[in-house]
PDB file of N, CA and C in Angstrom:
ATOM      1  N   MET A   1      24.102   6.981  -3.533  1.00  0.00           N
ATOM      2  CA  MET A   1      24.265   5.802  -4.368  1.00  0.00           C
ATOM      3  C   MET A   1      23.110   5.652  -5.357  1.00  0.00           C
ATOM      4  N   LYS A   2      21.924   6.092  -4.955  1.00  0.00           N
ATOM      5  CA  LYS A   2      20.758   5.960  -5.809  1.00  0.00           C
ATOM      6  C   LYS A   2      20.938   6.740  -7.111  1.00  0.00           C
ATOM      7  N   ILE A   3      21.469   7.949  -6.990  1.00  0.00           N
ATOM      8  CA  ILE A   3      21.664   8.790  -8.175  1.00  0.00           C
ATOM      9  C   ILE A   3      22.718   8.182  -9.098  1.00  0.00           C
ATOM     10  N   ILE A   4      23.795   7.694  -8.537  1.00  0.00           N
ATOM     11  CA  ILE A   4      24.851   7.078  -9.348  1.00  0.00           C
ATOM     12  C   ILE A   4      24.315   5.847 -10.060  1.00  0.00           C
ATOM     13  N   ARG A   5      23.484   5.058  -9.375  1.00  0.00           N
ATOM     14  CA  ARG A   5      22.907   3.861  -9.984  1.00  0.00           C
ATOM     15  C   ARG A   5      21.985   4.253 -11.141  1.00  0.00           C
ATOM     16  N   GLN A   6      21.169   5.289 -10.953  1.00  0.00           N
ATOM     17  CA  GLN A   6      20.256   5.721 -12.019  1.00  0.00           C
ATOM     18  C   GLN A   6      21.023   6.224 -13.232  1.00  0.00           C
ATOM     19  N   ILE A   7      22.056   7.006 -13.002  1.00  0.00           N
ATOM     20  CA  ILE A   7      22.886   7.488 -14.112  1.00  0.00           C
ATOM     21  C   ILE A   7      23.557   6.309 -14.801  1.00  0.00           C
ATOM     22  N   GLY A   8      24.033   5.360 -14.017  1.00  0.00           N
ATOM     23  CA  GLY A   8      24.665   4.161 -14.575  1.00  0.00           C
ATOM     24  C   GLY A   8      23.715   3.368 -15.463  1.00  0.00           C
ATOM     25  N   ILE A   9      22.478   3.228 -15.029  1.00  0.00           N
ATOM     26  CA  ILE A   9      21.489   2.491 -15.824  1.00  0.00           C
ATOM     27  C   ILE A   9      21.240   3.207 -17.146  1.00  0.00           C
ATOM     28  N   ILE A  10      21.039   4.507 -17.085  1.00  0.00           N
ATOM     29  CA  ILE A  10      20.762   5.271 -18.309  1.00  0.00           C
ATOM     30  C   ILE A  10      21.951   5.217 -19.261  1.00  0.00           C
ATOM     31  N   PHE A  11      23.162   5.383 -18.742  1.00  0.00           N
ATOM     32  CA  PHE A  11      24.343   5.324 -19.604  1.00  0.00           C
ATOM     33  C   PHE A  11      24.587   3.920 -20.142  1.00  0.00           C
ATOM     34  N   THR A  12      24.249   2.901 -19.367  1.00  0.00           N
ATOM     35  CA  THR A  12      24.390   1.526 -19.848  1.00  0.00           C
ATOM     36  C   THR A  12      23.457   1.268 -21.017  1.00  0.00           C
ATOM     37  N   VAL A  13      22.228   1.744 -20.918  1.00  0.00           N
ATOM     38  CA  VAL A  13      21.286   1.598 -22.026  1.00  0.00           C
ATOM     39  C   VAL A  13      21.812   2.348 -23.258  1.00  0.00           C
ATOM     40  N   CYS A  14      22.356   3.535 -23.069  1.00  0.00           N
ATOM     41  CA  CYS A  14      22.926   4.303 -24.192  1.00  0.00           C
ATOM     42  C   CYS A  14      24.106   3.559 -24.814  1.00  0.00           C
ATOM     43  N   TRP A  15      24.964   3.002 -23.976  1.00  0.00           N
ATOM     44  CA  TRP A  15      26.138   2.266 -24.454  1.00  0.00           C
ATOM     45  C   TRP A  15      25.713   1.023 -25.222  1.00  0.00           C
ATOM     46  N   LEU A  16      24.725   0.292 -24.696  1.00  0.00           N
ATOM     47  CA  LEU A  16      24.230  -0.899 -25.388  1.00  0.00           C
ATOM     48  C   LEU A  16      23.609  -0.543 -26.734  1.00  0.00           C
ATOM     49  N   SER A  17      22.931   0.591 -26.785  1.00  0.00           N
ATOM     50  CA  SER A  17      22.323   1.002 -28.051  1.00  0.00           C
ATOM     51  C   SER A  17      23.389   1.325 -29.095  1.00  0.00           C
ATOM     52  N   ILE A  18      24.503   1.872 -28.667  1.00  0.00           N
ATOM     53  CA  ILE A  18      25.608   2.137 -29.599  1.00  0.00           C
ATOM     54  C   ILE A  18      26.194   0.829 -30.108  1.00  0.00           C
ATOM     55  N   LEU A  19      26.339  -0.155 -29.215  1.00  0.00           N
ATOM     56  CA  LEU A  19      26.841  -1.461 -29.644  1.00  0.00           C
ATOM     57  C   LEU A  19      25.893  -2.127 -30.638  1.00  0.00           C
ATOM     58  N   VAL A  20      24.606  -2.038 -30.368  1.00  0.00           N
ATOM     59  CA  VAL A  20      23.619  -2.620 -31.285  1.00  0.00           C
ATOM     60  C   VAL A  20      23.669  -1.902 -32.631  1.00  0.00           C
ATOM     61  N   GLU A  21      23.802  -0.574 -32.600  1.00  0.00           N
ATOM     62  CA  GLU A  21      23.878   0.192 -33.847  1.00  0.00           C
ATOM     63  C   GLU A  21      25.061  -0.263 -34.690  1.00  0.00           C
ATOM     64  N   LYS A  22      26.207  -0.475 -34.054  1.00  0.00           N
ATOM     65  CA  LYS A  22      27.394  -0.896 -34.800  1.00  0.00           C
ATOM     66  C   LYS A  22      27.263  -2.324 -35.324  1.00  0.00           C
ATOM     67  N   ALA A  23      26.495  -3.158 -34.621  1.00  0.00           N
ATOM     68  CA  ALA A  23      26.325  -4.554 -35.033  1.00  0.00           C
ATOM     69  C   ALA A  23      25.316  -4.710 -36.169  1.00  0.00           C
ATOM     70  N   LEU A  24      24.413  -3.746 -36.327  1.00  0.00           N
ATOM     71  CA  LEU A  24      23.396  -3.852 -37.376  1.00  0.00           C
ATOM     72  C   LEU A  24      24.024  -3.682 -38.757  1.00  0.00           C
ATOM     73  N   PRO A  25      23.534  -4.439 -39.728  1.00  0.00           N
ATOM     74  CA  PRO A  25      24.089  -4.310 -41.086  1.00  0.00           C
ATOM     75  C   PRO A  25      23.561  -3.092 -41.845  1.00  0.00           C
ATOM     76  N   PHE A  26      22.649  -2.340 -41.226  1.00  0.00           N
ATOM     77  CA  PHE A  26      22.100  -1.150 -41.864  1.00  0.00           C
ATOM     78  C   PHE A  26      22.171   0.013 -40.876  1.00  0.00           C
ATOM     79  N   SER A  27      21.984   1.205 -41.377  1.00  0.00           N
ATOM     80  CA  SER A  27      22.089   2.399 -40.542  1.00  0.00           C
ATOM     81  C   SER A  27      20.783   2.614 -39.771  1.00  0.00           C
ATOM     82  N   PHE A  28      20.910   2.774 -38.448  1.00  0.00           N
ATOM     83  CA  PHE A  28      19.753   3.039 -37.593  1.00  0.00           C
ATOM     84  C   PHE A  28      20.261   3.831 -36.396  1.00  0.00           C
ATOM     85  N   PRO A  29      19.599   4.926 -36.008  1.00  0.00           N
ATOM     86  CA  PRO A  29      20.121   5.791 -34.944  1.00  0.00           C
ATOM     87  C   PRO A  29      20.176   5.085 -33.585  1.00  0.00           C
ATOM     88  N   ALA A  30      21.296   5.227 -32.923  1.00  0.00           N
ATOM     89  CA  ALA A  30      21.479   4.623 -31.601  1.00  0.00           C
ATOM     90  C   ALA A  30      20.498   5.194 -30.579  1.00  0.00           C
ATOM     91  N   SER A  31      20.114   6.450 -30.734  1.00  0.00           N
ATOM     92  CA  SER A  31      19.170   7.049 -29.786  1.00  0.00           C
ATOM     93  C   SER A  31      17.809   6.361 -29.844  1.00  0.00           C
ATOM     94  N   VAL A  32      17.371   6.012 -31.038  1.00  0.00           N
ATOM     95  CA  VAL A  32      16.095   5.307 -31.184  1.00  0.00           C
ATOM     96  C   VAL A  32      16.221   3.889 -30.635  1.00  0.00           C
ATOM     97  N   ILE A  33      17.338   3.244 -30.902  1.00  0.00           N
ATOM     98  CA  ILE A  33      17.579   1.906 -30.358  1.00  0.00           C
ATOM     99  C   ILE A  33      17.574   1.954 -28.840  1.00  0.00           C
ATOM    100  N   GLY A  34      18.189   2.990 -28.267  1.00  0.00           N
ATOM    101  CA  GLY A  34      18.208   3.142 -26.813  1.00  0.00           C
ATOM    102  C   GLY A  34      16.812   3.307 -26.237  1.00  0.00           C
ATOM    103  N   MET A  35      15.983   4.114 -26.903  1.00  0.00           N
ATOM    104  CA  MET A  35      14.603   4.269 -26.427  1.00  0.00           C
ATOM    105  C   MET A  35      13.845   2.949 -26.499  1.00  0.00           C
ATOM    106  N   LEU A  36      14.057   2.201 -27.577  1.00  0.00           N
ATOM    107  CA  LEU A  36      13.404   0.900 -27.702  1.00  0.00           C
ATOM    108  C   LEU A  36      13.890  -0.075 -26.628  1.00  0.00           C
ATOM    109  N   LEU A  37      15.200  -0.090 -26.382  1.00  0.00           N
ATOM    110  CA  LEU A  37      15.744  -0.959 -25.329  1.00  0.00           C
ATOM    111  C   LEU A  37      15.172  -0.600 -23.960  1.00  0.00           C
ATOM    112  N   LEU A  38      15.120   0.681 -23.673  1.00  0.00           N
ATOM    113  CA  LEU A  38      14.577   1.129 -22.394  1.00  0.00           C
ATOM    114  C   LEU A  38      13.100   0.777 -22.286  1.00  0.00           C
ATOM    115  N   PHE A  39      12.355   0.962 -23.364  1.00  0.00           N
ATOM    116  CA  PHE A  39      10.933   0.613 -23.375  1.00  0.00           C
ATOM    117  C   PHE A  39      10.737  -0.878 -23.129  1.00  0.00           C
ATOM    118  N   ILE A  40      11.526  -1.703 -23.801  1.00  0.00           N
ATOM    119  CA  ILE A  40      11.418  -3.151 -23.623  1.00  0.00           C
ATOM    120  C   ILE A  40      11.770  -3.550 -22.193  1.00  0.00           C
ATOM    121  N   CYS A  41      12.819  -2.949 -21.646  1.00  0.00           N
ATOM    122  CA  CYS A  41      13.203  -3.256 -20.257  1.00  0.00           C
ATOM    123  C   CYS A  41      12.106  -2.860 -19.268  1.00  0.00           C
ATOM    124  N   LEU A  42      11.479  -1.726 -19.492  1.00  0.00           N
ATOM    125  CA  LEU A  42      10.385  -1.298 -18.617  1.00  0.00           C
ATOM    126  C   LEU A  42       9.148  -2.172 -18.806  1.00  0.00           C
ATOM    127  N   LEU A  43       8.873  -2.539 -20.045  1.00  0.00           N
ATOM    128  CA  LEU A  43       7.696  -3.347 -20.349  1.00  0.00           C
ATOM    129  C   LEU A  43       7.810  -4.751 -19.760  1.00  0.00           C
ATOM    130  N   THR A  44       8.991  -5.332 -19.839  1.00  0.00           N
ATOM    131  CA  THR A  44       9.186  -6.699 -19.351  1.00  0.00           C
ATOM    132  C   THR A  44       9.430  -6.764 -17.850  1.00  0.00           C
ATOM    133  N   GLY A  45       9.671  -5.634 -17.227  1.00  0.00           N
ATOM    134  CA  GLY A  45       9.913  -5.633 -15.790  1.00  0.00           C
ATOM    135  C   GLY A  45      11.372  -5.784 -15.408  1.00  0.00           C
ATOM    136  N   ILE A  46      12.262  -5.847 -16.397  1.00  0.00           N
ATOM    137  CA  ILE A  46      13.694  -5.907 -16.106  1.00  0.00           C
ATOM    138  C   ILE A  46      14.101  -4.654 -15.334  1.00  0.00           C
ATOM    139  N   LEU A  47      13.553  -3.523 -15.743  1.00  0.00           N
ATOM    140  CA  LEU A  47      13.738  -2.257 -15.031  1.00  0.00           C
ATOM    141  C   LEU A  47      12.385  -1.787 -14.523  1.00  0.00           C
ATOM    142  N   LYS A  48      12.391  -1.180 -13.379  1.00  0.00           N
ATOM    143  CA  LYS A  48      11.196  -0.536 -12.834  1.00  0.00           C
ATOM    144  C   LYS A  48      11.373   0.969 -13.033  1.00  0.00           C
ATOM    145  N   ILE A  49      10.259   1.671 -13.130  1.00  0.00           N
ATOM    146  CA  ILE A  49      10.319   3.117 -13.351  1.00  0.00           C
ATOM    147  C   ILE A  49      11.088   3.806 -12.226  1.00  0.00           C
ATOM    148  N   GLU A  50      11.023   3.249 -11.024  1.00  0.00           N
ATOM    149  CA  GLU A  50      11.743   3.837  -9.889  1.00  0.00           C
ATOM    150  C   GLU A  50      13.257   3.780 -10.074  1.00  0.00           C
ATOM    151  N   HIS A  51      13.737   2.862 -10.902  1.00  0.00           N
ATOM    152  CA  HIS A  51      15.178   2.720 -11.128  1.00  0.00           C
ATOM    153  C   HIS A  51      15.769   3.907 -11.881  1.00  0.00           C
ATOM    154  N   ILE A  52      14.933   4.635 -12.631  1.00  0.00           N
ATOM    155  CA  ILE A  52      15.464   5.729 -13.456  1.00  0.00           C
ATOM    156  C   ILE A  52      14.665   7.017 -13.321  1.00  0.00           C
ATOM    157  N   GLN A  53      13.651   7.041 -12.478  1.00  0.00           N
ATOM    158  CA  GLN A  53      12.703   8.158 -12.397  1.00  0.00           C
ATOM    159  C   GLN A  53      13.380   9.517 -12.179  1.00  0.00           C
ATOM    160  N   GLU A  54      14.188   9.636 -11.134  1.00  0.00           N
ATOM    161  CA  GLU A  54      14.763  10.952 -10.788  1.00  0.00           C
ATOM    162  C   GLU A  54      15.663  11.503 -11.879  1.00  0.00           C
ATOM    163  N   LYS A  55      16.555  10.690 -12.404  1.00  0.00           N
ATOM    164  CA  LYS A  55      17.490  11.179 -13.415  1.00  0.00           C
ATOM    165  C   LYS A  55      16.784  11.425 -14.742  1.00  0.00           C
ATOM    166  N   ALA A  56      15.788  10.615 -15.063  1.00  0.00           N
ATOM    167  CA  ALA A  56      15.021  10.855 -16.289  1.00  0.00           C
ATOM    168  C   ALA A  56      14.261  12.175 -16.177  1.00  0.00           C
ATOM    169  N   ASP A  57      13.659  12.432 -15.023  1.00  0.00           N
ATOM    170  CA  ASP A  57      12.971  13.708 -14.818  1.00  0.00           C
ATOM    171  C   ASP A  57      13.933  14.877 -14.923  1.00  0.00           C
ATOM    172  N   PHE A  58      15.118  14.738 -14.343  1.00  0.00           N
ATOM    173  CA  PHE A  58      16.132  15.790 -14.418  1.00  0.00           C
ATOM    174  C   PHE A  58      16.511  16.071 -15.867  1.00  0.00           C
ATOM    175  N   LEU A  59      16.752  15.013 -16.646  1.00  0.00           N
ATOM    176  CA  LEU A  59      17.140  15.194 -18.045  1.00  0.00           C
ATOM    177  C   LEU A  59      16.015  15.835 -18.854  1.00  0.00           C
ATOM    178  N   LEU A  60      14.774  15.442 -18.578  1.00  0.00           N
ATOM    179  CA  LEU A  60      13.647  16.041 -19.296  1.00  0.00           C
ATOM    180  C   LEU A  60      13.456  17.510 -18.933  1.00  0.00           C
ATOM    181  N   GLU A  61      13.641  17.848 -17.656  1.00  0.00           N
ATOM    182  CA  GLU A  61      13.489  19.234 -17.229  1.00  0.00           C
ATOM    183  C   GLU A  61      14.554  20.136 -17.837  1.00  0.00           C
ATOM    184  N   ASN A  62      15.725  19.587 -18.137  1.00  0.00           N
ATOM    185  CA  ASN A  62      16.837  20.375 -18.664  1.00  0.00           C
ATOM    186  C   ASN A  62      17.112  20.081 -20.136  1.00  0.00           C
ATOM    187  N   MET A  63      16.120  19.589 -20.840  1.00  0.00           N
ATOM    188  CA  MET A  63      16.302  19.201 -22.232  1.00  0.00           C
ATOM    189  C   MET A  63      16.718  20.371 -23.122  1.00  0.00           C
ATOM    190  N   ALA A  64      16.202  21.543 -22.856  1.00  0.00           N
ATOM    191  CA  ALA A  64      16.531  22.701 -23.692  1.00  0.00           C
ATOM    192  C   ALA A  64      18.029  22.978 -23.711  1.00  0.00           C
ATOM    193  N   PHE A  65      18.702  22.698 -22.615  1.00  0.00           N
ATOM    194  CA  PHE A  65      20.143  22.903 -22.529  1.00  0.00           C
ATOM    195  C   PHE A  65      20.891  22.102 -23.591  1.00  0.00           C
ATOM    196  N   PHE A  66      20.385  20.910 -23.933  1.00  0.00           N
ATOM    197  CA  PHE A  66      21.063  20.045 -24.888  1.00  0.00           C
ATOM    198  C   PHE A  66      20.905  20.523 -26.330  1.00  0.00           C
ATOM    199  N   PHE A  67      20.006  21.480 -26.574  1.00  0.00           N
ATOM    200  CA  PHE A  67      19.810  22.003 -27.916  1.00  0.00           C
ATOM    201  C   PHE A  67      20.659  23.240 -28.193  1.00  0.00           C
ATOM    202  N   VAL A  68      21.349  23.767 -27.209  1.00  0.00           N
ATOM    203  CA  VAL A  68      22.177  24.962 -27.394  1.00  0.00           C
ATOM    204  C   VAL A  68      23.259  24.743 -28.450  1.00  0.00           C
ATOM    205  N   PRO A  69      24.027  23.642 -28.423  1.00  0.00           N
ATOM    206  CA  PRO A  69      25.051  23.463 -29.471  1.00  0.00           C
ATOM    207  C   PRO A  69      24.465  23.429 -30.880  1.00  0.00           C
ATOM    208  N   ALA A  70      23.300  22.821 -31.038  1.00  0.00           N
ATOM    209  CA  ALA A  70      22.678  22.779 -32.369  1.00  0.00           C
ATOM    210  C   ALA A  70      22.287  24.188 -32.820  1.00  0.00           C
ATOM    211  N   GLY A  71      21.773  25.000 -31.899  1.00  0.00           N
ATOM    212  CA  GLY A  71      21.415  26.378 -32.234  1.00  0.00           C
ATOM    213  C   GLY A  71      22.620  27.204 -32.636  1.00  0.00           C
ATOM    214  N   VAL A  72      23.718  27.017 -31.948  1.00  0.00           N
ATOM    215  CA  VAL A  72      24.951  27.741 -32.280  1.00  0.00           C
ATOM    216  C   VAL A  72      25.459  27.311 -33.649  1.00  0.00           C
ATOM    217  N   SER A  73      25.362  26.029 -33.954  1.00  0.00           N
ATOM    218  CA  SER A  73      25.804  25.546 -35.263  1.00  0.00           C
ATOM    219  C   SER A  73      24.974  26.150 -36.384  1.00  0.00           C
ATOM    220  N   ILE A  74      23.678  26.298 -36.154  1.00  0.00           N
ATOM    221  CA  ILE A  74      22.820  26.913 -37.174  1.00  0.00           C
ATOM    222  C   ILE A  74      23.260  28.346 -37.431  1.00  0.00           C
ATOM    223  N   ILE A  75      23.601  29.073 -36.393  1.00  0.00           N
ATOM    224  CA  ILE A  75      24.051  30.453 -36.558  1.00  0.00           C
ATOM    225  C   ILE A  75      25.361  30.501 -37.358  1.00  0.00           C
ATOM    226  N   ASN A  76      26.228  29.525 -37.149  1.00  0.00           N
ATOM    227  CA  ASN A  76      27.491  29.484 -37.895  1.00  0.00           C
ATOM    228  C   ASN A  76      27.277  29.311 -39.392  1.00  0.00           C
ATOM    229  N   TYR A  77      26.200  28.644 -39.789  1.00  0.00           N
ATOM    230  CA  TYR A  77      25.925  28.391 -41.198  1.00  0.00           C
ATOM    231  C   TYR A  77      24.777  29.252 -41.725  1.00  0.00           C
ATOM    232  N   PHE A  78      24.567  30.403 -41.124  1.00  0.00           N
ATOM    233  CA  PHE A  78      23.467  31.272 -41.517  1.00  0.00           C
ATOM    234  C   PHE A  78      23.556  31.689 -42.981  1.00  0.00           C
ATOM    235  N   ASP A  79      24.757  31.970 -43.481  1.00  0.00           N
ATOM    236  CA  ASP A  79      24.901  32.389 -44.874  1.00  0.00           C
ATOM    237  C   ASP A  79      24.486  31.286 -45.842  1.00  0.00           C
ATOM    238  N   VAL A  80      24.691  30.042 -45.489  1.00  0.00           N
ATOM    239  CA  VAL A  80      24.267  28.923 -46.337  1.00  0.00           C
ATOM    240  C   VAL A  80      22.745  28.764 -46.275  1.00  0.00           C
ATOM    241  N   LEU A  81      22.182  28.929 -45.085  1.00  0.00           N
ATOM    242  CA  LEU A  81      20.750  28.730 -44.895  1.00  0.00           C
ATOM    243  C   LEU A  81      19.912  29.887 -45.431  1.00  0.00           C
ATOM    244  N   LYS A  82      20.529  31.052 -45.599  1.00  0.00           N
ATOM    245  CA  LYS A  82      19.798  32.238 -46.036  1.00  0.00           C
ATOM    246  C   LYS A  82      19.127  32.033 -47.395  1.00  0.00           C
ATOM    247  N   SER A  83      19.757  31.280 -48.268  1.00  0.00           N
ATOM    248  CA  SER A  83      19.201  31.089 -49.607  1.00  0.00           C
ATOM    249  C   SER A  83      18.018  30.115 -49.626  1.00  0.00           C
ATOM    250  N   THR A  84      17.843  29.333 -48.584  1.00  0.00           N
ATOM    251  CA  THR A  84      16.751  28.346 -48.563  1.00  0.00           C
ATOM    252  C   THR A  84      15.813  28.567 -47.384  1.00  0.00           C
ATOM    253  N   TRP A  85      15.692  29.787 -46.902  1.00  0.00           N
ATOM    254  CA  TRP A  85      14.907  30.026 -45.688  1.00  0.00           C
ATOM    255  C   TRP A  85      13.424  29.754 -45.884  1.00  0.00           C
ATOM    256  N   ILE A  86      12.894  30.014 -47.090  1.00  0.00           N
ATOM    257  CA  ILE A  86      11.466  29.767 -47.329  1.00  0.00           C
ATOM    258  C   ILE A  86      11.168  28.271 -47.215  1.00  0.00           C
ATOM    259  N   GLN A  87      11.989  27.448 -47.833  1.00  0.00           N
ATOM    260  CA  GLN A  87      11.795  26.005 -47.744  1.00  0.00           C
ATOM    261  C   GLN A  87      11.914  25.523 -46.301  1.00  0.00           C
ATOM    262  N   LEU A  88      12.852  26.070 -45.562  1.00  0.00           N
ATOM    263  CA  LEU A  88      13.030  25.673 -44.166  1.00  0.00           C
ATOM    264  C   LEU A  88      11.821  26.040 -43.315  1.00  0.00           C
ATOM    265  N   VAL A  89      11.267  27.220 -43.535  1.00  0.00           N
ATOM    266  CA  VAL A  89      10.085  27.637 -42.775  1.00  0.00           C
ATOM    267  C   VAL A  89       8.900  26.737 -43.109  1.00  0.00           C
ATOM    268  N   VAL A  90       8.708  26.442 -44.396  1.00  0.00           N
ATOM    269  CA  VAL A  90       7.606  25.560 -44.800  1.00  0.00           C
ATOM    270  C   VAL A  90       7.772  24.175 -44.178  1.00  0.00           C
ATOM    271  N   ILE A  91       8.964  23.639 -44.223  1.00  0.00           N
ATOM    272  CA  ILE A  91       9.228  22.323 -43.627  1.00  0.00           C
ATOM    273  C   ILE A  91       8.965  22.352 -42.124  1.00  0.00           C
ATOM    274  N   CYS A  92       9.402  23.392 -41.448  1.00  0.00           N
ATOM    275  CA  CYS A  92       9.177  23.499 -40.000  1.00  0.00           C
ATOM    276  C   CYS A  92       7.692  23.572 -39.669  1.00  0.00           C
ATOM    277  N   VAL A  93       6.937  24.366 -40.424  1.00  0.00           N
ATOM    278  CA  VAL A  93       5.497  24.492 -40.160  1.00  0.00           C
ATOM    279  C   VAL A  93       4.799  23.164 -40.409  1.00  0.00           C
ATOM    280  N   ILE A  94       5.073  22.535 -41.541  1.00  0.00           N
ATOM    281  CA  ILE A  94       4.425  21.265 -41.861  1.00  0.00           C
ATOM    282  C   ILE A  94       4.789  20.183 -40.836  1.00  0.00           C
ATOM    283  N   SER A  95       6.063  20.085 -40.484  1.00  0.00           N
ATOM    284  CA  SER A  95       6.466  19.051 -39.528  1.00  0.00           C
ATOM    285  C   SER A  95       5.879  19.319 -38.145  1.00  0.00           C
ATOM    286  N   THR A  96       5.715  20.584 -37.769  1.00  0.00           N
ATOM    287  CA  THR A  96       5.083  20.908 -36.485  1.00  0.00           C
ATOM    288  C   THR A  96       3.621  20.489 -36.474  1.00  0.00           C
ATOM    289  N   VAL A  97       2.913  20.798 -37.548  1.00  0.00           N
ATOM    290  CA  VAL A  97       1.500  20.415 -37.643  1.00  0.00           C
ATOM    291  C   VAL A  97       1.362  18.890 -37.621  1.00  0.00           C
ATOM    292  N   VAL A  98       2.181  18.198 -38.389  1.00  0.00           N
ATOM    293  CA  VAL A  98       2.134  16.728 -38.411  1.00  0.00           C
ATOM    294  C   VAL A  98       2.433  16.166 -37.024  1.00  0.00           C
ATOM    295  N   THR A  99       3.399  16.733 -36.327  1.00  0.00           N
ATOM    296  CA  THR A  99       3.728  16.277 -34.975  1.00  0.00           C
ATOM    297  C   THR A  99       2.553  16.484 -34.037  1.00  0.00           C
ATOM    298  N   PHE A 100       1.900  17.637 -34.104  1.00  0.00           N
ATOM    299  CA  PHE A 100       0.720  17.886 -33.267  1.00  0.00           C
ATOM    300  C   PHE A 100      -0.386  16.878 -33.544  1.00  0.00           C
ATOM    301  N   VAL A 101      -0.649  16.625 -34.818  1.00  0.00           N
ATOM    302  CA  VAL A 101      -1.723  15.702 -35.191  1.00  0.00           C
ATOM    303  C   VAL A 101      -1.405  14.287 -34.709  1.00  0.00           C
ATOM    304  N   VAL A 102      -0.200  13.834 -34.954  1.00  0.00           N
ATOM    305  CA  VAL A 102       0.181  12.474 -34.534  1.00  0.00           C
ATOM    306  C   VAL A 102       0.169  12.358 -33.012  1.00  0.00           C
ATOM    307  N   THR A 103       0.609  13.373 -32.313  1.00  0.00           N
ATOM    308  CA  THR A 103       0.586  13.346 -30.855  1.00  0.00           C
ATOM    309  C   THR A 103      -0.840  13.294 -30.331  1.00  0.00           C
ATOM    310  N   ALA A 104      -1.713  14.121 -30.889  1.00  0.00           N
ATOM    311  CA  ALA A 104      -3.114  14.110 -30.462  1.00  0.00           C
ATOM    312  C   ALA A 104      -3.751  12.750 -30.744  1.00  0.00           C
ATOM    313  N   TRP A 105      -3.487  12.189 -31.896  1.00  0.00           N
ATOM    314  CA  TRP A 105      -4.017  10.877 -32.244  1.00  0.00           C
ATOM    315  C   TRP A 105      -3.502   9.807 -31.283  1.00  0.00           C
ATOM    316  N   SER A 106      -2.213   9.870 -30.956  1.00  0.00           N
ATOM    317  CA  SER A 106      -1.625   8.894 -30.035  1.00  0.00           C
ATOM    318  C   SER A 106      -2.233   9.004 -28.645  1.00  0.00           C
ATOM    319  N   VAL A 107      -2.449  10.211 -28.175  1.00  0.00           N
ATOM    320  CA  VAL A 107      -3.048  10.411 -26.852  1.00  0.00           C
ATOM    321  C   VAL A 107      -4.476   9.873 -26.842  1.00  0.00           C
ATOM    322  N   ARG A 108      -5.241  10.169 -27.865  1.00  0.00           N
ATOM    323  CA  ARG A 108      -6.615   9.658 -27.934  1.00  0.00           C
ATOM    324  C   ARG A 108      -6.636   8.138 -27.966  1.00  0.00           C
ATOM    325  N   LEU A 109      -5.747   7.543 -28.736  1.00  0.00           N
ATOM    326  CA  LEU A 109      -5.660   6.089 -28.820  1.00  0.00           C
ATOM    327  C   LEU A 109      -5.275   5.487 -27.467  1.00  0.00           C
ATOM    328  N   THR A 110      -4.345   6.110 -26.786  1.00  0.00           N
ATOM    329  CA  THR A 110      -3.915   5.629 -25.470  1.00  0.00           C
ATOM    330  C   THR A 110      -5.044   5.748 -24.447  1.00  0.00           C
ATOM    331  N   ILE A 111      -5.765   6.847 -24.478  1.00  0.00           N
ATOM    332  CA  ILE A 111      -6.894   7.029 -23.548  1.00  0.00           C
ATOM    333  C   ILE A 111      -7.955   5.962 -23.793  1.00  0.00           C
ATOM    334  N   ARG A 112      -8.284   5.708 -25.056  1.00  0.00           N
ATOM    335  CA  ARG A 112      -9.258   4.652 -25.369  1.00  0.00           C
ATOM    336  C   ARG A 112      -8.778   3.298 -24.876  1.00  0.00           C
ATOM    337  N   TRP A 113      -7.518   3.006 -25.099  1.00  0.00           N
ATOM    338  CA  TRP A 113      -6.947   1.728 -24.672  1.00  0.00           C
ATOM    339  C   TRP A 113      -7.009   1.587 -23.161  1.00  0.00           C
ATOM    340  N   MET A 114      -6.679   2.669 -22.441  1.00  0.00           N
ATOM    341  CA  MET A 114      -6.718   2.630 -20.974  1.00  0.00           C
ATOM    342  C   MET A 114      -8.149   2.472 -20.468  1.00  0.00           C
ATOM    343  N   GLU A 115      -9.110   3.127 -21.120  1.00  0.00           N
ATOM    344  CA  GLU A 115     -10.511   2.991 -20.717  1.00  0.00           C
ATOM    345  C   GLU A 115     -11.010   1.572 -20.954  1.00  0.00           C
ATOM    346  N   ARG A 116     -10.622   0.955 -22.051  1.00  0.00           N
ATOM    347  CA  ARG A 116     -11.009  -0.428 -22.323  1.00  0.00           C
ATOM    348  C   ARG A 116     -10.402  -1.376 -21.299  1.00  0.00           C
ATOM    349  N   ARG A 117      -9.175  -1.130 -20.883  1.00  0.00           N
ATOM    350  CA  ARG A 117      -8.546  -1.968 -19.853  1.00  0.00           C
ATOM    351  C   ARG A 117      -9.269  -1.854 -18.537  1.00  0.00           C
ATOM    352  N   LYS A 118      -9.742  -0.650 -18.193  1.00  0.00           N
ATOM    353  CA  LYS A 118     -10.498  -0.463 -16.955  1.00  0.00           C
ATOM    354  C   LYS A 118     -11.825  -1.213 -17.003  1.00  0.00           C
ATOM    355  N   ILE A 119     -12.489  -1.165 -18.150  1.00  0.00           N
ATOM    356  CA  ILE A 119     -13.778  -1.837 -18.302  1.00  0.00           C
ATOM    357  C   ILE A 119     -13.595  -3.359 -18.221  1.00  0.00           C
ATOM    358  N   ASP A 120     -12.523  -3.869 -18.832  1.00  0.00           N
ATOM    359  CA  ASP A 120     -12.274  -5.310 -18.818  1.00  0.00           C
ATOM    360  C   ASP A 120     -11.926  -5.826 -17.434  1.00  0.00           C
ATOM    361  N   GLU A 121     -11.401  -4.975 -16.578  1.00  0.00           N
ATOM    362  CA  GLU A 121     -11.028  -5.416 -15.233  1.00  0.00           C
ATOM    363  C   GLU A 121     -12.261  -5.485 -14.414  1.00  0.00           C
TER     364      GLU A 121
END
């Protein structure tokens, strides 16, 4: 029952994010809305990490599996992408570097914040 409940919670958050996306007067990805909803629920205590821990870990461990359809689609359009491969490589390199920098900055900021919380306690 625990596994079914965890899957139910995750799918409910996904379903609610789709409803919110359709209700918004502007375009915003349901996946981002779902992450925000889940974050708010965890932050406010509506959900505890134990409510979704096992299934979230399972999904994270198997994340690569979810990228297979996208990879196959890229192969299907290889002839279209062949003419712009230099731009695609440059974009991939730049976005990877930016992601690394932002991630490192976020981790440093989080560590500082956690250290300040320890000192204040």
